[in-house]
Each structure stands twice: as structure tokens, then as C-alpha cells.
């Protein structure tokens, strides 16, 4: 399986699905490989298994990517407060 690179993030070739997102769905959300395919019908079960193999082979880097993504999201939340929260007040 070949992996496309965008923004230094490994993706399933021909898709915009990041390898780390497949790993998150499997490891953190508890989805089975079949459930991952149902969530992304344009990828095959074989591609999910290959993505998971890559994810676990590079688990240290993948966990660091998850940590960095979470940190970035928190920074965005601080910078751009929810308009829903403002309206509710």
C-alpha cells in the first residue's frame, strides 16, 4: 500500500483519510475494522487493516500526532469562542 503525504500527515492513497484517524476510530472509539469501512465506504477492509498496521508500527509517532492535534484544537477553542455559548448567555 502506498501512502500519500499532505501536510506531513500520512493518508490512505487516493483519499483524504489520515492514517491517524483510522487508528483513532479503532483504538479510541472502539470501532471494528468493518465499522470503519462502513463509516468510509470508499475504502476497503484491506486498506483499513494496512492503515492499522502502519498506525501500530509507528505508534509513538501516531500518539504524538494525536497529542499535537488535540493541543491545536484547544488553541483554536481559546482563540475562537463558540458563538452558541455567547447566544446562550
PDB file of N, CA and C in Angstrom:
ATOM      1  N   UNK A   1       0.853  -1.184   0.000  1.00  0.00           N
ATOM      2  CA  UNK A   1       0.000   0.000   0.000  1.00  0.00           C
ATOM      3  C   UNK A   1       0.890   1.235   0.000  1.00  0.00           C
ATOM      4  N   UNK A   2       0.555   2.188  -0.824  1.00  0.00           N
ATOM      5  CA  UNK A   2       1.295   3.444  -0.867  1.00  0.00           C
ATOM      6  C   UNK A   2       0.508   4.487  -0.093  1.00  0.00           C
ATOM      7  N   UNK A   3       1.223   5.383   0.523  1.00  0.00           N
ATOM      8  CA  UNK A   3       0.593   6.417   1.326  1.00  0.00           C
ATOM      9  C   UNK A   3       0.882   7.786   0.728  1.00  0.00           C
ATOM     10  N   UNK A   4      -0.141   8.593   0.600  1.00  0.00           N
ATOM     11  CA  UNK A   4       0.024   9.967   0.117  1.00  0.00           C
ATOM     12  C   UNK A   4       0.444  10.831   1.299  1.00  0.00           C
ATOM     13  N   UNK A   5       1.174  11.889   1.009  1.00  0.00           N
ATOM     14  CA  UNK A   5       1.578  12.809   2.073  1.00  0.00           C
ATOM     15  C   UNK A   5       0.940  14.161   1.821  1.00  0.00           C
ATOM     16  N   UNK A   6       0.258  14.674   2.828  1.00  0.00           N
ATOM     17  CA  UNK A   6      -0.291  16.023   2.801  1.00  0.00           C
ATOM     18  C   UNK A   6       0.024  16.632   4.154  1.00  0.00           C
ATOM     19  N   UNK A   7       0.608  17.796   4.143  1.00  0.00           N
ATOM     20  CA  UNK A   7       0.909  18.486   5.393  1.00  0.00           C
ATOM     21  C   UNK A   7       1.674  17.569   6.344  1.00  0.00           C
ATOM     22  N   UNK A   8       2.573  16.762   5.793  1.00  0.00           N
ATOM     23  CA  UNK A   8       3.387  15.850   6.584  1.00  0.00           C
ATOM     24  C   UNK A   8       2.540  14.856   7.380  1.00  0.00           C
ATOM     25  N   UNK A   9       1.363  14.534   6.881  1.00  0.00           N
ATOM     26  CA  UNK A   9       0.482  13.570   7.523  1.00  0.00           C
ATOM     27  C   UNK A   9       0.220  12.435   6.547  1.00  0.00           C
ATOM     28  N   UNK A  10       0.458  11.224   6.982  1.00  0.00           N
ATOM     29  CA  UNK A  10       0.221  10.066   6.120  1.00  0.00           C
ATOM     30  C   UNK A  10      -1.279   9.864   5.937  1.00  0.00           C
ATOM     31  N   UNK A  11      -1.664   9.589   4.692  1.00  0.00           N
ATOM     32  CA  UNK A  11      -3.061   9.363   4.339  1.00  0.00           C
ATOM     33  C   UNK A  11      -3.158   8.111   3.486  1.00  0.00           C
ATOM     34  N   UNK A  12      -4.338   7.534   3.441  1.00  0.00           N
ATOM     35  CA  UNK A  12      -4.573   6.417   2.534  1.00  0.00           C
ATOM     36  C   UNK A  12      -4.556   6.987   1.124  1.00  0.00           C
ATOM     37  N   UNK A  13      -3.711   6.439   0.281  1.00  0.00           N
ATOM     38  CA  UNK A  13      -3.526   6.972  -1.070  1.00  0.00           C
ATOM     39  C   UNK A  13      -4.855   7.055  -1.817  1.00  0.00           C
ATOM     40  N   UNK A  14      -5.043   8.193  -2.466  1.00  0.00           N
ATOM     41  CA  UNK A  14      -6.256   8.419  -3.236  1.00  0.00           C
ATOM     42  C   UNK A  14      -7.425   8.905  -2.410  1.00  0.00           C
ATOM     43  N   UNK A  15      -7.179   9.131  -1.115  1.00  0.00           N
ATOM     44  CA  UNK A  15      -8.231   9.619  -0.224  1.00  0.00           C
ATOM     45  C   UNK A  15      -7.678  10.764   0.615  1.00  0.00           C
ATOM     46  N   UNK A  16      -8.540  11.381   1.366  1.00  0.00           N
ATOM     47  CA  UNK A  16      -8.097  12.405   2.311  1.00  0.00           C
ATOM     48  C   UNK A  16      -8.110  11.871   3.735  1.00  0.00           C
ATOM     49  N   UNK A  17      -8.282  10.562   3.882  1.00  0.00           N
ATOM     50  CA  UNK A  17      -8.363   9.940   5.202  1.00  0.00           C
ATOM     51  C   UNK A  17      -6.961   9.742   5.766  1.00  0.00           C
ATOM     52  N   UNK A  18      -6.739  10.336   6.932  1.00  0.00           N
ATOM     53  CA  UNK A  18      -5.440  10.206   7.580  1.00  0.00           C
ATOM     54  C   UNK A  18      -5.337   8.846   8.274  1.00  0.00           C
ATOM     55  N   UNK A  19      -4.138   8.272   8.237  1.00  0.00           N
ATOM     56  CA  UNK A  19      -3.880   7.009   8.922  1.00  0.00           C
ATOM     57  C   UNK A  19      -4.197   7.164  10.408  1.00  0.00           C
ATOM     58  N   UNK A  20      -3.825   8.283  10.986  1.00  0.00           N
ATOM     59  CA  UNK A  20      -4.059   8.510  12.407  1.00  0.00           C
ATOM     60  C   UNK A  20      -5.564   8.499  12.723  1.00  0.00           C
ATOM     61  N   UNK A  21      -6.390   8.960  11.804  1.00  0.00           N
ATOM     62  CA  UNK A  21      -7.832   8.952  12.051  1.00  0.00           C
ATOM     63  C   UNK A  21      -8.388   7.533  12.065  1.00  0.00           C
ATOM     64  N   UNK A  22      -7.864   6.662  11.214  1.00  0.00           N
ATOM     65  CA  UNK A  22      -8.274   5.253  11.245  1.00  0.00           C
ATOM     66  C   UNK A  22      -7.873   4.649  12.591  1.00  0.00           C
ATOM     67  N   UNK A  23      -6.670   4.958  13.033  1.00  0.00           N
ATOM     68  CA  UNK A  23      -6.211   4.468  14.339  1.00  0.00           C
ATOM     69  C   UNK A  23      -7.065   4.977  15.484  1.00  0.00           C
ATOM     70  N   UNK A  24      -7.455   6.236  15.431  1.00  0.00           N
ATOM     71  CA  UNK A  24      -8.314   6.813  16.469  1.00  0.00           C
ATOM     72  C   UNK A  24      -9.672   6.101  16.481  1.00  0.00           C
ATOM     73  N   UNK A  25     -10.235   5.897  15.319  1.00  0.00           N
ATOM     74  CA  UNK A  25     -11.532   5.230  15.242  1.00  0.00           C
ATOM     75  C   UNK A  25     -11.460   3.817  15.819  1.00  0.00           C
ATOM     76  N   UNK A  26     -10.372   3.119  15.551  1.00  0.00           N
ATOM     77  CA  UNK A  26     -10.214   1.747  16.027  1.00  0.00           C
ATOM     78  C   UNK A  26      -9.847   1.715  17.515  1.00  0.00           C
ATOM     79  N   UNK A  27      -8.783   2.422  17.881  1.00  0.00           N
ATOM     80  CA  UNK A  27      -8.248   2.315  19.242  1.00  0.00           C
ATOM     81  C   UNK A  27      -9.040   3.114  20.274  1.00  0.00           C
ATOM     82  N   UNK A  28      -9.405   4.337  19.958  1.00  0.00           N
ATOM     83  CA  UNK A  28     -10.031   5.209  20.944  1.00  0.00           C
ATOM     84  C   UNK A  28     -11.562   5.181  20.903  1.00  0.00           C
ATOM     85  N   UNK A  29     -12.128   5.001  19.713  1.00  0.00           N
ATOM     86  CA  UNK A  29     -13.587   4.972  19.591  1.00  0.00           C
ATOM     87  C   UNK A  29     -14.145   3.558  19.629  1.00  0.00           C
ATOM     88  N   UNK A  30     -13.264   2.575  19.590  1.00  0.00           N
ATOM     89  CA  UNK A  30     -13.676   1.185  19.716  1.00  0.00           C
ATOM     90  C   UNK A  30     -14.387   0.613  18.499  1.00  0.00           C
ATOM     91  N   UNK A  31     -14.169   1.230  17.345  1.00  0.00           N
ATOM     92  CA  UNK A  31     -14.797   0.725  16.122  1.00  0.00           C
ATOM     93  C   UNK A  31     -14.037  -0.496  15.617  1.00  0.00           C
ATOM     94  N   UNK A  32     -14.772  -1.465  15.086  1.00  0.00           N
ATOM     95  CA  UNK A  32     -14.134  -2.617  14.451  1.00  0.00           C
ATOM     96  C   UNK A  32     -13.684  -2.201  13.046  1.00  0.00           C
ATOM     97  N   UNK A  33     -12.785  -2.960  12.423  1.00  0.00           N
ATOM     98  CA  UNK A  33     -12.411  -2.627  11.038  1.00  0.00           C
ATOM     99  C   UNK A  33     -13.621  -2.567  10.111  1.00  0.00           C
ATOM    100  N   UNK A  34     -14.576  -3.479  10.294  1.00  0.00           N
ATOM    101  CA  UNK A  34     -15.791  -3.446   9.466  1.00  0.00           C
ATOM    102  C   UNK A  34     -16.572  -2.153   9.679  1.00  0.00           C
ATOM    103  N   UNK A  35     -16.640  -1.682  10.922  1.00  0.00           N
ATOM    104  CA  UNK A  35     -17.340  -0.426  11.206  1.00  0.00           C
ATOM    105  C   UNK A  35     -16.613   0.764  10.582  1.00  0.00           C
ATOM    106  N   UNK A  36     -15.296   0.705  10.563  1.00  0.00           N
ATOM    107  CA  UNK A  36     -14.513   1.772   9.926  1.00  0.00           C
ATOM    108  C   UNK A  36     -14.837   1.808   8.434  1.00  0.00           C
ATOM    109  N   UNK A  37     -14.933   0.652   7.805  1.00  0.00           N
ATOM    110  CA  UNK A  37     -15.278   0.599   6.375  1.00  0.00           C
ATOM    111  C   UNK A  37     -16.679   1.156   6.150  1.00  0.00           C
ATOM    112  N   UNK A  38     -17.625   0.820   7.024  1.00  0.00           N
ATOM    113  CA  UNK A  38     -18.983   1.360   6.877  1.00  0.00           C
ATOM    114  C   UNK A  38     -18.992   2.885   7.028  1.00  0.00           C
ATOM    115  N   UNK A  39     -18.100   3.406   7.860  1.00  0.00           N
ATOM    116  CA  UNK A  39     -18.012   4.858   8.033  1.00  0.00           C
ATOM    117  C   UNK A  39     -17.336   5.533   6.842  1.00  0.00           C
ATOM    118  N   UNK A  40     -16.511   4.777   6.128  1.00  0.00           N
ATOM    119  CA  UNK A  40     -15.763   5.291   4.973  1.00  0.00           C
ATOM    120  C   UNK A  40     -15.924   4.300   3.821  1.00  0.00           C
ATOM    121  N   UNK A  41     -17.087   4.244   3.195  1.00  0.00           N
ATOM    122  CA  UNK A  41     -17.353   3.196   2.199  1.00  0.00           C
ATOM    123  C   UNK A  41     -16.472   3.236   0.951  1.00  0.00           C
ATOM    124  N   UNK A  42     -15.721   4.294   0.770  1.00  0.00           N
ATOM    125  CA  UNK A  42     -14.846   4.374  -0.399  1.00  0.00           C
ATOM    126  C   UNK A  42     -13.478   3.743  -0.161  1.00  0.00           C
ATOM    127  N   UNK A  43     -13.251   3.185   1.033  1.00  0.00           N
ATOM    128  CA  UNK A  43     -12.011   2.442   1.276  1.00  0.00           C
ATOM    129  C   UNK A  43     -12.369   0.984   1.560  1.00  0.00           C
ATOM    130  N   UNK A  44     -11.406   0.112   1.331  1.00  0.00           N
ATOM    131  CA  UNK A  44     -11.640  -1.323   1.503  1.00  0.00           C
ATOM    132  C   UNK A  44     -11.208  -1.785   2.894  1.00  0.00           C
ATOM    133  N   UNK A  45     -11.667  -2.972   3.247  1.00  0.00           N
ATOM    134  CA  UNK A  45     -11.261  -3.577   4.512  1.00  0.00           C
ATOM    135  C   UNK A  45      -9.749  -3.795   4.524  1.00  0.00           C
ATOM    136  N   UNK A  46      -9.197  -4.176   3.392  1.00  0.00           N
ATOM    137  CA  UNK A  46      -7.742  -4.362   3.302  1.00  0.00           C
ATOM    138  C   UNK A  46      -7.008  -3.049   3.583  1.00  0.00           C
ATOM    139  N   UNK A  47      -7.531  -1.929   3.066  1.00  0.00           N
ATOM    140  CA  UNK A  47      -6.901  -0.625   3.322  1.00  0.00           C
ATOM    141  C   UNK A  47      -6.972  -0.266   4.804  1.00  0.00           C
ATOM    142  N   UNK A  48      -8.066  -0.604   5.453  1.00  0.00           N
ATOM    143  CA  UNK A  48      -8.186  -0.336   6.895  1.00  0.00           C
ATOM    144  C   UNK A  48      -7.146  -1.148   7.652  1.00  0.00           C
ATOM    145  N   UNK A  49      -7.014  -2.414   7.321  1.00  0.00           N
ATOM    146  CA  UNK A  49      -6.020  -3.253   8.003  1.00  0.00           C
ATOM    147  C   UNK A  49      -4.600  -2.768   7.745  1.00  0.00           C
ATOM    148  N   UNK A  50      -4.322  -2.339   6.531  1.00  0.00           N
ATOM    149  CA  UNK A  50      -2.990  -1.803   6.226  1.00  0.00           C
ATOM    150  C   UNK A  50      -2.742  -0.506   6.990  1.00  0.00           C
ATOM    151  N   UNK A  51      -3.760   0.332   7.086  1.00  0.00           N
ATOM    152  CA  UNK A  51      -3.630   1.582   7.842  1.00  0.00           C
ATOM    153  C   UNK A  51      -3.379   1.289   9.316  1.00  0.00           C
ATOM    154  N   UNK A  52      -4.094   0.314   9.862  1.00  0.00           N
ATOM    155  CA  UNK A  52      -3.894  -0.048  11.271  1.00  0.00           C
ATOM    156  C   UNK A  52      -2.503  -0.639  11.491  1.00  0.00           C
ATOM    157  N   UNK A  53      -2.016  -1.421  10.542  1.00  0.00           N
ATOM    158  CA  UNK A  53      -0.659  -1.965  10.654  1.00  0.00           C
ATOM    159  C   UNK A  53       0.360  -0.821  10.694  1.00  0.00           C
ATOM    160  N   UNK A  54       0.178   0.165   9.823  1.00  0.00           N
ATOM    161  CA  UNK A  54       1.075   1.321   9.813  1.00  0.00           C
ATOM    162  C   UNK A  54       0.956   2.096  11.134  1.00  0.00           C
ATOM    163  N   UNK A  55      -0.288   2.305  11.582  1.00  0.00           N
ATOM    164  CA  UNK A  55      -0.548   3.036  12.826  1.00  0.00           C
ATOM    165  C   UNK A  55       0.207   2.390  13.987  1.00  0.00           C
ATOM    166  N   UNK A  56       0.087   1.078  14.133  1.00  0.00           N
ATOM    167  CA  UNK A  56       0.735   0.399  15.262  1.00  0.00           C
ATOM    168  C   UNK A  56       2.239   0.242  15.072  1.00  0.00           C
ATOM    169  N   UNK A  57       2.697   0.164  13.852  1.00  0.00           N
ATOM    170  CA  UNK A  57       4.143   0.105  13.610  1.00  0.00           C
ATOM    171  C   UNK A  57       4.804   1.420  14.018  1.00  0.00           C
ATOM    172  N   UNK A  58       4.055   2.521  13.883  1.00  0.00           N
ATOM    173  CA  UNK A  58       4.567   3.859  14.203  1.00  0.00           C
ATOM    174  C   UNK A  58       3.779   4.478  15.353  1.00  0.00           C
ATOM    175  N   UNK A  59       3.425   3.669  16.344  1.00  0.00           N
ATOM    176  CA  UNK A  59       2.516   4.100  17.410  1.00  0.00           C
ATOM    177  C   UNK A  59       3.034   5.322  18.175  1.00  0.00           C
ATOM    178  N   UNK A  60       4.321   5.386  18.416  1.00  0.00           N
ATOM    179  CA  UNK A  60       4.875   6.527  19.153  1.00  0.00           C
ATOM    180  C   UNK A  60       4.633   7.823  18.377  1.00  0.00           C
ATOM    181  N   UNK A  61       4.914   7.810  17.085  1.00  0.00           N
ATOM    182  CA  UNK A  61       4.682   8.990  16.246  1.00  0.00           C
ATOM    183  C   UNK A  61       3.193   9.310  16.133  1.00  0.00           C
ATOM    184  N   UNK A  62       2.371   8.273  16.042  1.00  0.00           N
ATOM    185  CA  UNK A  62       0.923   8.478  15.917  1.00  0.00           C
ATOM    186  C   UNK A  62       0.357   9.123  17.187  1.00  0.00           C
ATOM    187  N   UNK A  63       0.800   8.642  18.342  1.00  0.00           N
ATOM    188  CA  UNK A  63       0.318   9.233  19.607  1.00  0.00           C
ATOM    189  C   UNK A  63       0.791  10.672  19.750  1.00  0.00           C
ATOM    190  N   UNK A  64       1.982  10.961  19.279  1.00  0.00           N
ATOM    191  CA  UNK A  64       2.482  12.342  19.304  1.00  0.00           C
ATOM    192  C   UNK A  64       1.633  13.213  18.373  1.00  0.00           C
ATOM    193  N   UNK A  65       1.263  12.693  17.211  1.00  0.00           N
ATOM    194  CA  UNK A  65       0.404  13.429  16.274  1.00  0.00           C
ATOM    195  C   UNK A  65      -0.954  13.707  16.911  1.00  0.00           C
ATOM    196  N   UNK A  66      -1.518  12.727  17.589  1.00  0.00           N
ATOM    197  CA  UNK A  66      -2.800  12.913  18.278  1.00  0.00           C
ATOM    198  C   UNK A  66      -2.666  14.001  19.337  1.00  0.00           C
ATOM    199  N   UNK A  67      -1.590  13.951  20.118  1.00  0.00           N
ATOM    200  CA  UNK A  67      -1.367  14.961  21.161  1.00  0.00           C
ATOM    201  C   UNK A  67      -1.256  16.356  20.552  1.00  0.00           C
ATOM    202  N   UNK A  68      -0.513  16.479  19.461  1.00  0.00           N
ATOM    203  CA  UNK A  68      -0.352  17.782  18.800  1.00  0.00           C
ATOM    204  C   UNK A  68      -1.685  18.278  18.237  1.00  0.00           C
ATOM    205  N   UNK A  69      -2.455  17.377  17.648  1.00  0.00           N
ATOM    206  CA  UNK A  69      -3.773  17.764  17.118  1.00  0.00           C
ATOM    207  C   UNK A  69      -4.686  18.255  18.237  1.00  0.00           C
ATOM    208  N   UNK A  70      -4.686  17.551  19.364  1.00  0.00           N
ATOM    209  CA  UNK A  70      -5.518  17.961  20.499  1.00  0.00           C
ATOM    210  C   UNK A  70      -5.089  19.324  21.024  1.00  0.00           C
ATOM    211  N   UNK A  71      -3.787  19.556  21.090  1.00  0.00           N
ATOM    212  CA  UNK A  71      -3.270  20.842  21.548  1.00  0.00           C
ATOM    213  C   UNK A  71      -3.689  21.961  20.599  1.00  0.00           C
ATOM    214  N   UNK A  72      -3.605  21.698  19.301  1.00  0.00           N
ATOM    215  CA  UNK A  72      -4.003  22.685  18.294  1.00  0.00           C
ATOM    216  C   UNK A  72      -5.491  23.011  18.417  1.00  0.00           C
ATOM    217  N   UNK A  73      -6.298  21.992  18.617  1.00  0.00           N
ATOM    218  CA  UNK A  73      -7.739  22.203  18.777  1.00  0.00           C
ATOM    219  C   UNK A  73      -8.024  23.073  20.003  1.00  0.00           C
ATOM    220  N   UNK A  74      -7.336  22.824  21.094  1.00  0.00           N
ATOM    221  CA  UNK A  74      -7.526  23.640  22.301  1.00  0.00           C
ATOM    222  C   UNK A  74      -7.149  25.100  22.055  1.00  0.00           C
ATOM    223  N   UNK A  75      -6.067  25.327  21.305  1.00  0.00           N
ATOM    224  CA  UNK A  75      -5.670  26.691  20.967  1.00  0.00           C
ATOM    225  C   UNK A  75      -6.743  27.374  20.126  1.00  0.00           C
ATOM    226  N   UNK A  76      -7.312  26.646  19.179  1.00  0.00           N
ATOM    227  CA  UNK A  76      -8.383  27.211  18.357  1.00  0.00           C
ATOM    228  C   UNK A  76      -9.611  27.537  19.198  1.00  0.00           C
ATOM    229  N   UNK A  77      -9.933  26.676  20.151  1.00  0.00           N
ATOM    230  CA  UNK A  77     -11.082  26.923  21.025  1.00  0.00           C
ATOM    231  C   UNK A  77     -10.876  28.200  21.838  1.00  0.00           C
ATOM    232  N   UNK A  78      -9.653  28.432  22.279  1.00  0.00           N
ATOM    233  CA  UNK A  78      -9.347  29.638  23.040  1.00  0.00           C
ATOM    234  C   UNK A  78      -9.450  30.881  22.165  1.00  0.00           C
ATOM    235  N   UNK A  79      -8.956  30.766  20.956  1.00  0.00           N
ATOM    236  CA  UNK A  79      -8.919  31.907  20.044  1.00  0.00           C
ATOM    237  C   UNK A  79     -10.299  32.240  19.481  1.00  0.00           C
ATOM    238  N   UNK A  80     -11.067  31.207  19.159  1.00  0.00           N
ATOM    239  CA  UNK A  80     -12.380  31.400  18.540  1.00  0.00           C
ATOM    240  C   UNK A  80     -13.446  30.787  19.429  1.00  0.00           C
ATOM    241  N   UNK A  81     -13.989  31.577  20.307  1.00  0.00           N
ATOM    242  CA  UNK A  81     -15.018  31.072  21.211  1.00  0.00           C
ATOM    243  C   UNK A  81     -16.283  30.750  20.453  1.00  0.00           C
ATOM    244  N   UNK A  82     -17.009  29.786  20.951  1.00  0.00           N
ATOM    245  CA  UNK A  82     -18.249  29.357  20.336  1.00  0.00           C
ATOM    246  C   UNK A  82     -19.290  30.469  20.351  1.00  0.00           C
ATOM    247  N   UNK A  83     -19.910  30.719  19.202  1.00  0.00           N
ATOM    248  CA  UNK A  83     -20.981  31.702  19.132  1.00  0.00           C
ATOM    249  C   UNK A  83     -22.233  31.183  19.820  1.00  0.00           C
ATOM    250  N   UNK A  84     -22.366  29.905  19.909  1.00  0.00           N
ATOM    251  CA  UNK A  84     -23.527  29.313  20.600  1.00  0.00           C
ATOM    252  C   UNK A  84     -23.455  29.652  22.076  1.00  0.00           C
ATOM    253  N   UNK A  85     -22.294  29.575  22.674  1.00  0.00           N
ATOM    254  CA  UNK A  85     -22.150  29.905  24.095  1.00  0.00           C
ATOM    255  C   UNK A  85     -22.494  31.373  24.340  1.00  0.00           C
ATOM    256  N   UNK A  86     -22.116  32.247  23.430  1.00  0.00           N
ATOM    257  CA  UNK A  86     -22.402  33.690  23.571  1.00  0.00           C
ATOM    258  C   UNK A  86     -23.904  33.925  23.461  1.00  0.00           C
ATOM    259  N   UNK A  87     -24.568  33.285  22.537  1.00  0.00           N
ATOM    260  CA  UNK A  87     -26.004  33.453  22.348  1.00  0.00           C
ATOM    261  C   UNK A  87     -26.765  32.928  23.566  1.00  0.00           C
ATOM    262  N   UNK A  88     -26.296  31.828  24.129  1.00  0.00           N
ATOM    263  CA  UNK A  88     -26.984  31.214  25.271  1.00  0.00           C
ATOM    264  C   UNK A  88     -26.939  32.094  26.504  1.00  0.00           C
ATOM    265  N   UNK A  89     -25.976  32.980  26.591  1.00  0.00           N
ATOM    266  CA  UNK A  89     -25.849  33.823  27.778  1.00  0.00           C
ATOM    267  C   UNK A  89     -26.832  34.915  27.701  1.00  0.00           C
TER     268      UNK A  89
END
